[in-house]
Structures are given as structure tokens and as C-alpha cells.
Amino acid sequence: SAVKSFKTLLKRTIGSRSLVYDEFQTLLTQIEAVLNSRPLTPVSNDPS
């Protein structure tokens, strides 16, 4: 599931283009941050 989510974010970002090594490495860290910000469950039951 994590691989599928990573591929989805990568393809929607760069499409079929090829990036320079540094650009690709930077993009990986940003995608990693997005994956680690996925909601698991609400922190509290407060509607606000």
C-alpha cells in the first residue's frame, strides 16, 4: 500500500519526465513527508 501511494504521488508530480539526481532525491524526501502526514485517526472527539 505504501508503494502504491508513493507511485501515485510521484507520477502525478513528474509524469513521464526524468529528473536530475538531486531533484529526484529532494522529491523523494518531500513525498516521504506527505506519506508521514497521512491521517490515521482523529486526535480528539472535539468537533472543532
All heavy atoms as atom14 arrays in JSON, in Angstrom:
{
  "sequence": "SAVKSFKTLLKRTIGSRSLVYDEFQTLLTQIEAVLNSRPLTPVSNDPS",
  "atom14_mask": [
    [1, 1, 1, 1, 1, 1, 0, 0, 0, 0, 0, 0, 0, 0],
    [1, 1, 1, 1, 1, 0, 0, 0, 0, 0, 0, 0, 0, 0],
    [1, 1, 1, 1, 1, 1, 1, 0, 0, 0, 0, 0, 0, 0],
    [1, 1, 1, 1, 1, 1, 1, 1, 1, 0, 0, 0, 0, 0],
    [1, 1, 1, 1, 1, 1, 0, 0, 0, 0, 0, 0, 0, 0],
    [1, 1, 1, 1, 1, 1, 1, 1, 1, 1, 1, 0, 0, 0],
    [1, 1, 1, 1, 1, 1, 1, 1, 1, 0, 0, 0, 0, 0],
    [1, 1, 1, 1, 1, 1, 1, 0, 0, 0, 0, 0, 0, 0],
    [1, 1, 1, 1, 1, 1, 1, 1, 0, 0, 0, 0, 0, 0],
    [1, 1, 1, 1, 1, 1, 1, 1, 0, 0, 0, 0, 0, 0],
    [1, 1, 1, 1, 1, 1, 1, 1, 1, 0, 0, 0, 0, 0],
    [1, 1, 1, 1, 1, 1, 1, 1, 1, 1, 1, 0, 0, 0],
    [1, 1, 1, 1, 1, 1, 1, 0, 0, 0, 0, 0, 0, 0],
    [1, 1, 1, 1, 1, 1, 1, 1, 0, 0, 0, 0, 0, 0],
    [1, 1, 1, 1, 0, 0, 0, 0, 0, 0, 0, 0, 0, 0],
    [1, 1, 1, 1, 1, 1, 0, 0, 0, 0, 0, 0, 0, 0],
    [1, 1, 1, 1, 1, 1, 1, 1, 1, 1, 1, 0, 0, 0],
    [1, 1, 1, 1, 1, 1, 0, 0, 0, 0, 0, 0, 0, 0],
    [1, 1, 1, 1, 1, 1, 1, 1, 0, 0, 0, 0, 0, 0],
    [1, 1, 1, 1, 1, 1, 1, 0, 0, 0, 0, 0, 0, 0],
    [1, 1, 1, 1, 1, 1, 1, 1, 1, 1, 1, 1, 0, 0],
    [1, 1, 1, 1, 1, 1, 1, 1, 0, 0, 0, 0, 0, 0],
    [1, 1, 1, 1, 1, 1, 1, 1, 1, 0, 0, 0, 0, 0],
    [1, 1, 1, 1, 1, 1, 1, 1, 1, 1, 1, 0, 0, 0],
    [1, 1, 1, 1, 1, 1, 1, 1, 1, 0, 0, 0, 0, 0],
    [1, 1, 1, 1, 1, 1, 1, 0, 0, 0, 0, 0, 0, 0],
    [1, 1, 1, 1, 1, 1, 1, 1, 0, 0, 0, 0, 0, 0],
    [1, 1, 1, 1, 1, 1, 1, 1, 0, 0, 0, 0, 0, 0],
    [1, 1, 1, 1, 1, 1, 1, 0, 0, 0, 0, 0, 0, 0],
    [1, 1, 1, 1, 1, 1, 1, 1, 1, 0, 0, 0, 0, 0],
    [1, 1, 1, 1, 1, 1, 1, 1, 0, 0, 0, 0, 0, 0],
    [1, 1, 1, 1, 1, 1, 1, 1, 1, 0, 0, 0, 0, 0],
    [1, 1, 1, 1, 1, 0, 0, 0, 0, 0, 0, 0, 0, 0],
    [1, 1, 1, 1, 1, 1, 1, 0, 0, 0, 0, 0, 0, 0],
    [1, 1, 1, 1, 1, 1, 1, 1, 0, 0, 0, 0, 0, 0],
    [1, 1, 1, 1, 1, 1, 1, 1, 0, 0, 0, 0, 0, 0],
    [1, 1, 1, 1, 1, 1, 0, 0, 0, 0, 0, 0, 0, 0],
    [1, 1, 1, 1, 1, 1, 1, 1, 1, 1, 1, 0, 0, 0],
    [1, 1, 1, 1, 1, 1, 1, 0, 0, 0, 0, 0, 0, 0],
    [1, 1, 1, 1, 1, 1, 1, 1, 0, 0, 0, 0, 0, 0],
    [1, 1, 1, 1, 1, 1, 1, 0, 0, 0, 0, 0, 0, 0],
    [1, 1, 1, 1, 1, 1, 1, 0, 0, 0, 0, 0, 0, 0],
    [1, 1, 1, 1, 1, 1, 1, 0, 0, 0, 0, 0, 0, 0],
    [1, 1, 1, 1, 1, 1, 0, 0, 0, 0, 0, 0, 0, 0],
    [1, 1, 1, 1, 1, 1, 1, 1, 0, 0, 0, 0, 0, 0],
    [1, 1, 1, 1, 1, 1, 1, 1, 0, 0, 0, 0, 0, 0],
    [1, 1, 1, 1, 1, 1, 1, 0, 0, 0, 0, 0, 0, 0],
    [1, 1, 1, 1, 1, 1, 0, 0, 0, 0, 0, 0, 0, 0]
  ],
  "atom14_positions": [
    [[0.82, -1.2, 0.0], [0.0, 0.0, 0.0], [0.86, 1.26, 0.0], [0.54, 2.24, -0.69], [-0.93, -0.01, 1.21], [-1.68, 1.17, 1.29], [0.0, 0.0, 0.0], [0.0, 0.0, 0.0], [0.0, 0.0, 0.0], [0.0, 0.0, 0.0], [0.0, 0.0, 0.0], [0.0, 0.0, 0.0], [0.0, 0.0, 0.0], [0.0, 0.0, 0.0]],
    [[1.97, 1.23, 0.75], [2.88, 2.38, 0.77], [3.52, 2.59, -0.59], [3.69, 3.73, -1.04], [3.94, 2.19, 1.85], [0.0, 0.0, 0.0], [0.0, 0.0, 0.0], [0.0, 0.0, 0.0], [0.0, 0.0, 0.0], [0.0, 0.0, 0.0], [0.0, 0.0, 0.0], [0.0, 0.0, 0.0], [0.0, 0.0, 0.0], [0.0, 0.0, 0.0]],
    [[3.89, 1.51, -1.26], [4.47, 1.62, -2.61], [3.46, 2.22, -3.57], [3.79, 3.09, -4.39], [4.94, 0.23, -3.09], [5.28, 0.27, -4.58], [6.15, -0.22, -2.29], [0.0, 0.0, 0.0], [0.0, 0.0, 0.0], [0.0, 0.0, 0.0], [0.0, 0.0, 0.0], [0.0, 0.0, 0.0], [0.0, 0.0, 0.0], [0.0, 0.0, 0.0]],
    [[2.21, 1.79, -3.48], [1.17, 2.33, -4.36], [0.98, 3.83, -4.12], [0.86, 4.61, -5.07], [-0.14, 1.58, -4.12], [-1.28, 2.05, -5.0], [-2.54, 1.26, -4.73], [-3.7, 1.77, -5.59], [-4.95, 1.01, -5.31], [0.0, 0.0, 0.0], [0.0, 0.0, 0.0], [0.0, 0.0, 0.0], [0.0, 0.0, 0.0], [0.0, 0.0, 0.0]],
    [[0.95, 4.23, -2.85], [0.78, 5.65, -2.53], [1.97, 6.46, -3.04], [1.8, 7.56, -3.58], [0.62, 5.84, -1.03], [-0.5, 5.14, -0.54], [0.0, 0.0, 0.0], [0.0, 0.0, 0.0], [0.0, 0.0, 0.0], [0.0, 0.0, 0.0], [0.0, 0.0, 0.0], [0.0, 0.0, 0.0], [0.0, 0.0, 0.0], [0.0, 0.0, 0.0]],
    [[3.18, 5.91, -2.88], [4.37, 6.62, -3.35], [4.34, 6.78, -4.86], [4.61, 7.87, -5.4], [5.62, 5.86, -2.92], [6.85, 6.2, -3.72], [7.45, 7.44, -3.61], [7.39, 5.28, -4.61], [8.57, 7.77, -4.35], [8.51, 5.6, -5.36], [9.1, 6.84, -5.23], [0.0, 0.0, 0.0], [0.0, 0.0, 0.0], [0.0, 0.0, 0.0]],
    [[4.01, 5.73, -5.59], [3.97, 5.81, -7.06], [2.91, 6.8, -7.52], [3.12, 7.54, -8.49], [3.7, 4.43, -7.65], [4.88, 3.48, -7.58], [4.54, 2.17, -8.27], [5.74, 1.24, -8.29], [5.41, -0.05, -8.97], [0.0, 0.0, 0.0], [0.0, 0.0, 0.0], [0.0, 0.0, 0.0], [0.0, 0.0, 0.0], [0.0, 0.0, 0.0]],
    [[1.77, 6.83, -6.83], [0.72, 7.76, -7.22], [1.19, 9.21, -7.07], [1.0, 10.03, -7.99], [-0.53, 7.53, -6.35], [-0.98, 6.18, -6.53], [-1.64, 8.48, -6.73], [0.0, 0.0, 0.0], [0.0, 0.0, 0.0], [0.0, 0.0, 0.0], [0.0, 0.0, 0.0], [0.0, 0.0, 0.0], [0.0, 0.0, 0.0], [0.0, 0.0, 0.0]],
    [[1.82, 9.53, -5.95], [2.31, 10.9, -5.76], [3.42, 11.24, -6.75], [3.48, 12.36, -7.27], [2.82, 11.05, -4.33], [1.77, 10.94, -3.22], [2.43, 10.96, -1.86], [0.74, 12.06, -3.33], [0.0, 0.0, 0.0], [0.0, 0.0, 0.0], [0.0, 0.0, 0.0], [0.0, 0.0, 0.0], [0.0, 0.0, 0.0], [0.0, 0.0, 0.0]],
    [[4.29, 10.27, -7.03], [5.41, 10.54, -7.94], [4.91, 10.77, -9.36], [5.35, 11.72, -10.04], [6.39, 9.37, -7.9], [7.65, 9.53, -8.76], [8.53, 10.65, -8.22], [8.43, 8.22, -8.81], [0.0, 0.0, 0.0], [0.0, 0.0, 0.0], [0.0, 0.0, 0.0], [0.0, 0.0, 0.0], [0.0, 0.0, 0.0], [0.0, 0.0, 0.0]],
    [[4.0, 9.93, -9.83], [3.52, 10.07, -11.21], [2.73, 11.35, -11.39], [2.79, 11.99, -12.44], [2.68, 8.85, -11.58], [3.49, 7.57, -11.72], [2.6, 6.38, -12.07], [3.43, 5.11, -12.21], [2.58, 3.94, -12.52], [0.0, 0.0, 0.0], [0.0, 0.0, 0.0], [0.0, 0.0, 0.0], [0.0, 0.0, 0.0], [0.0, 0.0, 0.0]],
    [[1.95, 11.72, -10.39], [1.17, 12.96, -10.52], [2.06, 14.19, -10.46], [1.66, 15.25, -10.94], [0.13, 13.03, -9.4], [-0.99, 12.01, -9.55], [-1.99, 12.13, -8.43], [-3.08, 11.17, -8.58], [-4.09, 11.02, -7.73], [-4.13, 11.8, -6.64], [-5.03, 10.13, -7.93], [0.0, 0.0, 0.0], [0.0, 0.0, 0.0], [0.0, 0.0, 0.0]],
    [[3.26, 14.04, -9.91], [4.15, 15.18, -9.79], [5.01, 15.37, -11.03], [5.09, 16.47, -11.57], [5.05, 15.03, -8.55], [4.22, 14.85, -7.39], [5.92, 16.25, -8.35], [0.0, 0.0, 0.0], [0.0, 0.0, 0.0], [0.0, 0.0, 0.0], [0.0, 0.0, 0.0], [0.0, 0.0, 0.0], [0.0, 0.0, 0.0], [0.0, 0.0, 0.0]],
    [[5.67, 14.29, -11.47], [6.62, 14.43, -12.58], [6.13, 13.81, -13.87], [6.72, 14.06, -14.93], [7.98, 13.82, -12.2], [7.86, 12.31, -12.02], [8.52, 14.47, -10.94], [9.19, 11.63, -11.81], [0.0, 0.0, 0.0], [0.0, 0.0, 0.0], [0.0, 0.0, 0.0], [0.0, 0.0, 0.0], [0.0, 0.0, 0.0], [0.0, 0.0, 0.0]],
    [[5.08, 13.0, -13.82], [4.6, 12.36, -15.04], [5.65, 11.42, -15.61], [6.2, 10.56, -14.93], [0.0, 0.0, 0.0], [0.0, 0.0, 0.0], [0.0, 0.0, 0.0], [0.0, 0.0, 0.0], [0.0, 0.0, 0.0], [0.0, 0.0, 0.0], [0.0, 0.0, 0.0], [0.0, 0.0, 0.0], [0.0, 0.0, 0.0], [0.0, 0.0, 0.0]],
    [[5.97, 11.6, -16.89], [6.97, 10.75, -17.56], [8.32, 11.45, -17.68], [9.22, 10.93, -18.36], [6.46, 10.35, -18.95], [6.2, 11.52, -19.74], [0.0, 0.0, 0.0], [0.0, 0.0, 0.0], [0.0, 0.0, 0.0], [0.0, 0.0, 0.0], [0.0, 0.0, 0.0], [0.0, 0.0, 0.0], [0.0, 0.0, 0.0], [0.0, 0.0, 0.0]],
    [[8.51, 12.61, -17.06], [9.78, 13.31, -17.15], [10.85, 12.65, -16.3], [10.55, 11.98, -15.32], [9.61, 14.78, -16.71], [8.71, 15.59, -17.64], [8.61, 17.03, -17.19], [7.87, 17.14, -15.92], [8.39, 17.57, -14.8], [9.68, 17.92, -14.75], [7.67, 17.67, -13.71], [0.0, 0.0, 0.0], [0.0, 0.0, 0.0], [0.0, 0.0, 0.0]],
    [[12.09, 12.83, -16.69], [13.21, 12.33, -15.89], [13.89, 13.52, -15.2], [14.15, 14.56, -15.83], [14.23, 11.6, -16.79], [14.72, 12.46, -17.79], [0.0, 0.0, 0.0], [0.0, 0.0, 0.0], [0.0, 0.0, 0.0], [0.0, 0.0, 0.0], [0.0, 0.0, 0.0], [0.0, 0.0, 0.0], [0.0, 0.0, 0.0], [0.0, 0.0, 0.0]],
    [[14.17, 13.39, -13.92], [14.75, 14.47, -13.13], [16.24, 14.26, -12.95], [16.77, 13.15, -13.1], [14.08, 14.53, -11.76], [12.56, 14.78, -11.74], [12.07, 14.82, -10.3], [12.2, 16.06, -12.47], [0.0, 0.0, 0.0], [0.0, 0.0, 0.0], [0.0, 0.0, 0.0], [0.0, 0.0, 0.0], [0.0, 0.0, 0.0], [0.0, 0.0, 0.0]],
    [[16.91, 15.33, -12.6], [18.31, 15.24, -12.2], [18.37, 14.54, -10.84], [17.42, 14.58, -10.06], [18.96, 16.65, -12.15], [20.42, 16.57, -11.74], [18.81, 17.33, -13.5], [0.0, 0.0, 0.0], [0.0, 0.0, 0.0], [0.0, 0.0, 0.0], [0.0, 0.0, 0.0], [0.0, 0.0, 0.0], [0.0, 0.0, 0.0], [0.0, 0.0, 0.0]],
    [[19.5, 13.91, -10.56], [19.63, 13.11, -9.35], [19.26, 13.91, -8.1], [18.49, 13.44, -7.25], [21.06, 12.58, -9.23], [21.31, 11.77, -7.99], [21.02, 10.41, -7.97], [21.83, 12.35, -6.84], [21.22, 9.66, -6.82], [22.05, 11.6, -5.69], [21.75, 10.26, -5.7], [21.97, 9.52, -4.56], [0.0, 0.0, 0.0], [0.0, 0.0, 0.0]],
    [[19.77, 15.13, -7.98], [19.47, 15.95, -6.8], [17.99, 16.3, -6.72], [17.4, 16.32, -5.64], [20.32, 17.23, -6.81], [21.79, 16.94, -6.63], [22.12, 15.84, -6.13], [22.63, 17.8, -7.0], [0.0, 0.0, 0.0], [0.0, 0.0, 0.0], [0.0, 0.0, 0.0], [0.0, 0.0, 0.0], [0.0, 0.0, 0.0], [0.0, 0.0, 0.0]],
    [[17.38, 16.58, -7.87], [15.96, 16.89, -7.88], [15.13, 15.68, -7.46], [14.16, 15.8, -6.69], [15.54, 17.35, -9.28], [16.19, 18.65, -9.73], [15.86, 19.0, -11.16], [15.39, 18.11, -11.9], [16.06, 20.17, -11.55], [0.0, 0.0, 0.0], [0.0, 0.0, 0.0], [0.0, 0.0, 0.0], [0.0, 0.0, 0.0], [0.0, 0.0, 0.0]],
    [[15.52, 14.54, -7.95], [14.78, 13.32, -7.6], [14.93, 13.01, -6.12], [13.96, 12.61, -5.46], [15.3, 12.15, -8.45], [14.38, 10.95, -8.47], [13.38, 10.85, -9.42], [14.5, 9.95, -7.53], [12.53, 9.76, -9.44], [13.65, 8.86, -7.53], [12.66, 8.76, -8.5], [0.0, 0.0, 0.0], [0.0, 0.0, 0.0], [0.0, 0.0, 0.0]],
    [[16.13, 13.19, -5.59], [16.35, 12.93, -4.16], [15.53, 13.9, -3.3], [14.94, 13.5, -2.29], [17.84, 13.08, -3.85], [18.24, 12.71, -2.44], [18.18, 11.2, -2.21], [18.16, 10.43, -3.14], [18.15, 10.8, -0.95], [0.0, 0.0, 0.0], [0.0, 0.0, 0.0], [0.0, 0.0, 0.0], [0.0, 0.0, 0.0], [0.0, 0.0, 0.0]],
    [[15.47, 15.16, -3.72], [14.66, 16.14, -2.99], [13.18, 15.8, -3.05], [12.46, 15.89, -2.05], [14.9, 17.55, -3.56], [16.3, 17.85, -3.51], [14.13, 18.59, -2.77], [0.0, 0.0, 0.0], [0.0, 0.0, 0.0], [0.0, 0.0, 0.0], [0.0, 0.0, 0.0], [0.0, 0.0, 0.0], [0.0, 0.0, 0.0], [0.0, 0.0, 0.0]],
    [[12.73, 15.37, -4.23], [11.33, 15.0, -4.39], [10.98, 13.79, -3.51], [9.88, 13.73, -2.93], [11.03, 14.69, -5.85], [9.58, 14.32, -6.2], [8.64, 15.46, -5.84], [9.46, 13.96, -7.67], [0.0, 0.0, 0.0], [0.0, 0.0, 0.0], [0.0, 0.0, 0.0], [0.0, 0.0, 0.0], [0.0, 0.0, 0.0], [0.0, 0.0, 0.0]],
    [[11.91, 12.86, -3.37], [11.66, 11.7, -2.52], [11.43, 12.11, -1.08], [10.52, 11.59, -0.41], [12.84, 10.72, -2.6], [12.97, 9.84, -3.84], [14.11, 8.86, -3.68], [11.67, 9.11, -4.13], [0.0, 0.0, 0.0], [0.0, 0.0, 0.0], [0.0, 0.0, 0.0], [0.0, 0.0, 0.0], [0.0, 0.0, 0.0], [0.0, 0.0, 0.0]],
    [[12.24, 13.03, -0.58], [12.08, 13.46, 0.81], [10.75, 14.19, 1.01], [10.11, 14.05, 2.07], [13.24, 14.35, 1.23], [13.33, 15.47, 0.33], [14.55, 13.58, 1.19], [0.0, 0.0, 0.0], [0.0, 0.0, 0.0], [0.0, 0.0, 0.0], [0.0, 0.0, 0.0], [0.0, 0.0, 0.0], [0.0, 0.0, 0.0], [0.0, 0.0, 0.0]],
    [[10.32, 14.95, 0.0], [9.05, 15.65, 0.12], [7.88, 14.67, 0.08], [6.9, 14.83, 0.83], [8.93, 16.69, -0.99], [9.91, 17.85, -0.85], [9.82, 18.83, -2.02], [9.56, 18.43, -3.15], [10.05, 20.09, -1.73], [0.0, 0.0, 0.0], [0.0, 0.0, 0.0], [0.0, 0.0, 0.0], [0.0, 0.0, 0.0], [0.0, 0.0, 0.0]],
    [[7.97, 13.67, -0.79], [6.92, 12.65, -0.82], [6.9, 11.87, 0.49], [5.83, 11.52, 1.01], [7.13, 11.71, -2.02], [6.91, 12.47, -3.34], [6.22, 10.5, -1.94], [7.13, 11.64, -4.58], [0.0, 0.0, 0.0], [0.0, 0.0, 0.0], [0.0, 0.0, 0.0], [0.0, 0.0, 0.0], [0.0, 0.0, 0.0], [0.0, 0.0, 0.0]],
    [[8.08, 11.62, 1.04], [8.15, 10.94, 2.33], [7.43, 11.74, 3.41], [6.72, 11.18, 4.25], [9.62, 10.73, 2.71], [9.84, 10.09, 4.05], [11.31, 10.0, 4.41], [12.09, 9.5, 3.56], [11.69, 10.44, 5.51], [0.0, 0.0, 0.0], [0.0, 0.0, 0.0], [0.0, 0.0, 0.0], [0.0, 0.0, 0.0], [0.0, 0.0, 0.0]],
    [[7.6, 13.07, 3.39], [6.91, 13.91, 4.37], [5.39, 13.85, 4.18], [4.64, 13.83, 5.16], [7.41, 15.35, 4.24], [0.0, 0.0, 0.0], [0.0, 0.0, 0.0], [0.0, 0.0, 0.0], [0.0, 0.0, 0.0], [0.0, 0.0, 0.0], [0.0, 0.0, 0.0], [0.0, 0.0, 0.0], [0.0, 0.0, 0.0], [0.0, 0.0, 0.0]],
    [[4.94, 13.8, 2.93], [3.5, 13.71, 2.68], [2.96, 12.37, 3.17], [1.89, 12.3, 3.81], [3.21, 13.89, 1.17], [1.75, 13.63, 0.87], [3.59, 15.3, 0.73], [0.0, 0.0, 0.0], [0.0, 0.0, 0.0], [0.0, 0.0, 0.0], [0.0, 0.0, 0.0], [0.0, 0.0, 0.0], [0.0, 0.0, 0.0], [0.0, 0.0, 0.0]],
    [[3.69, 11.28, 2.92], [3.25, 9.97, 3.38], [3.18, 9.91, 4.9], [2.3, 9.26, 5.47], [4.19, 8.88, 2.85], [4.19, 8.65, 1.33], [5.21, 7.59, 0.97], [2.82, 8.25, 0.84], [0.0, 0.0, 0.0], [0.0, 0.0, 0.0], [0.0, 0.0, 0.0], [0.0, 0.0, 0.0], [0.0, 0.0, 0.0], [0.0, 0.0, 0.0]],
    [[4.12, 10.59, 5.55], [4.13, 10.58, 7.01], [3.14, 11.57, 7.61], [3.08, 11.71, 8.84], [5.54, 10.88, 7.53], [6.48, 9.72, 7.29], [6.07, 8.57, 7.23], [7.76, 10.02, 7.13], [0.0, 0.0, 0.0], [0.0, 0.0, 0.0], [0.0, 0.0, 0.0], [0.0, 0.0, 0.0], [0.0, 0.0, 0.0], [0.0, 0.0, 0.0]],
    [[2.41, 12.28, 6.78], [1.37, 13.19, 7.26], [-0.02, 12.67, 6.96], [-1.0, 13.39, 7.11], [1.55, 14.58, 6.61], [2.8, 15.12, 6.94], [0.0, 0.0, 0.0], [0.0, 0.0, 0.0], [0.0, 0.0, 0.0], [0.0, 0.0, 0.0], [0.0, 0.0, 0.0], [0.0, 0.0, 0.0], [0.0, 0.0, 0.0], [0.0, 0.0, 0.0]],
    [[-0.12, 11.42, 6.55], [-1.44, 10.83, 6.29], [-2.19, 10.64, 7.61], [-1.62, 10.19, 8.6], [-1.29, 9.46, 5.61], [-0.69, 9.51, 4.23], [-0.4, 8.11, 3.73], [0.62, 7.47, 4.57], [0.95, 6.19, 4.48], [0.33, 5.41, 3.61], [1.88, 5.69, 5.26], [0.0, 0.0, 0.0], [0.0, 0.0, 0.0], [0.0, 0.0, 0.0]],
    [[-3.47, 10.96, 7.64], [-4.23, 10.8, 8.9], [-4.5, 9.33, 9.2], [-4.88, 8.56, 8.31], [-5.52, 11.57, 8.62], [-5.67, 11.54, 7.14], [-4.27, 11.56, 6.57], [0.0, 0.0, 0.0], [0.0, 0.0, 0.0], [0.0, 0.0, 0.0], [0.0, 0.0, 0.0], [0.0, 0.0, 0.0], [0.0, 0.0, 0.0], [0.0, 0.0, 0.0]],
    [[-4.28, 8.95, 10.46], [-4.6, 7.6, 10.92], [-5.94, 7.57, 11.64], [-6.77, 6.71, 11.38], [-3.5, 7.08, 11.85], [-2.09, 6.96, 11.25], [-1.12, 6.48, 12.31], [-2.09, 6.02, 10.06], [0.0, 0.0, 0.0], [0.0, 0.0, 0.0], [0.0, 0.0, 0.0], [0.0, 0.0, 0.0], [0.0, 0.0, 0.0], [0.0, 0.0, 0.0]],
    [[-6.15, 8.52, 12.54], [-7.39, 8.62, 13.29], [-7.44, 10.01, 13.91], [-6.4, 10.64, 14.12], [-7.46, 7.53, 14.38], [-8.72, 7.59, 15.04], [-6.35, 7.71, 15.39], [0.0, 0.0, 0.0], [0.0, 0.0, 0.0], [0.0, 0.0, 0.0], [0.0, 0.0, 0.0], [0.0, 0.0, 0.0], [0.0, 0.0, 0.0], [0.0, 0.0, 0.0]],
    [[-8.62, 10.56, 14.19], [-8.7, 11.88, 14.85], [-8.01, 11.86, 16.2], [-8.08, 10.88, 16.94], [-10.2, 12.13, 14.97], [-10.82, 11.26, 13.93], [-9.95, 10.06, 13.81], [0.0, 0.0, 0.0], [0.0, 0.0, 0.0], [0.0, 0.0, 0.0], [0.0, 0.0, 0.0], [0.0, 0.0, 0.0], [0.0, 0.0, 0.0], [0.0, 0.0, 0.0]],
    [[-7.35, 12.96, 16.53], [-6.66, 13.06, 17.81], [-7.65, 13.18, 18.96], [-7.46, 12.61, 20.03], [-5.68, 14.26, 17.79], [-5.08, 14.47, 19.16], [-4.59, 14.02, 16.77], [0.0, 0.0, 0.0], [0.0, 0.0, 0.0], [0.0, 0.0, 0.0], [0.0, 0.0, 0.0], [0.0, 0.0, 0.0], [0.0, 0.0, 0.0], [0.0, 0.0, 0.0]],
    [[-8.74, 13.88, 18.74], [-9.74, 14.05, 19.8], [-11.13, 13.98, 19.19], [-11.3, 14.0, 17.97], [-9.55, 15.39, 20.52], [-9.83, 16.48, 19.65], [0.0, 0.0, 0.0], [0.0, 0.0, 0.0], [0.0, 0.0, 0.0], [0.0, 0.0, 0.0], [0.0, 0.0, 0.0], [0.0, 0.0, 0.0], [0.0, 0.0, 0.0], [0.0, 0.0, 0.0]],
    [[-12.14, 13.88, 20.06], [-13.53, 13.83, 19.62], [-14.17, 15.21, 19.53], [-15.38, 15.31, 19.3], [-14.34, 12.94, 20.57], [-13.87, 11.51, 20.55], [-13.48, 11.0, 19.5], [-13.92, 10.84, 21.7], [0.0, 0.0, 0.0], [0.0, 0.0, 0.0], [0.0, 0.0, 0.0], [0.0, 0.0, 0.0], [0.0, 0.0, 0.0], [0.0, 0.0, 0.0]],
    [[-13.4, 16.25, 19.74], [-13.92, 17.61, 19.69], [-14.23, 17.98, 18.24], [-13.34, 17.91, 17.38], [-12.89, 18.58, 20.27], [-13.44, 20.0, 20.39], [-14.62, 20.21, 20.02], [-12.7, 20.89, 20.85], [0.0, 0.0, 0.0], [0.0, 0.0, 0.0], [0.0, 0.0, 0.0], [0.0, 0.0, 0.0], [0.0, 0.0, 0.0], [0.0, 0.0, 0.0]],
    [[-15.48, 18.38, 17.91], [-15.8, 18.73, 16.52], [-14.99, 19.9, 15.99], [-14.8, 20.03, 14.78], [-17.3, 19.07, 16.58], [-17.81, 18.41, 17.82], [-16.66, 18.43, 18.78], [0.0, 0.0, 0.0], [0.0, 0.0, 0.0], [0.0, 0.0, 0.0], [0.0, 0.0, 0.0], [0.0, 0.0, 0.0], [0.0, 0.0, 0.0], [0.0, 0.0, 0.0]],
    [[-14.54, 20.79, 16.89], [-13.76, 21.95, 16.44], [-12.28, 21.63, 16.28], [-11.51, 22.5, 15.85], [-13.93, 23.1, 17.43], [-13.46, 22.72, 18.73], [0.0, 0.0, 0.0], [0.0, 0.0, 0.0], [0.0, 0.0, 0.0], [0.0, 0.0, 0.0], [0.0, 0.0, 0.0], [0.0, 0.0, 0.0], [0.0, 0.0, 0.0], [0.0, 0.0, 0.0]]
  ]
}
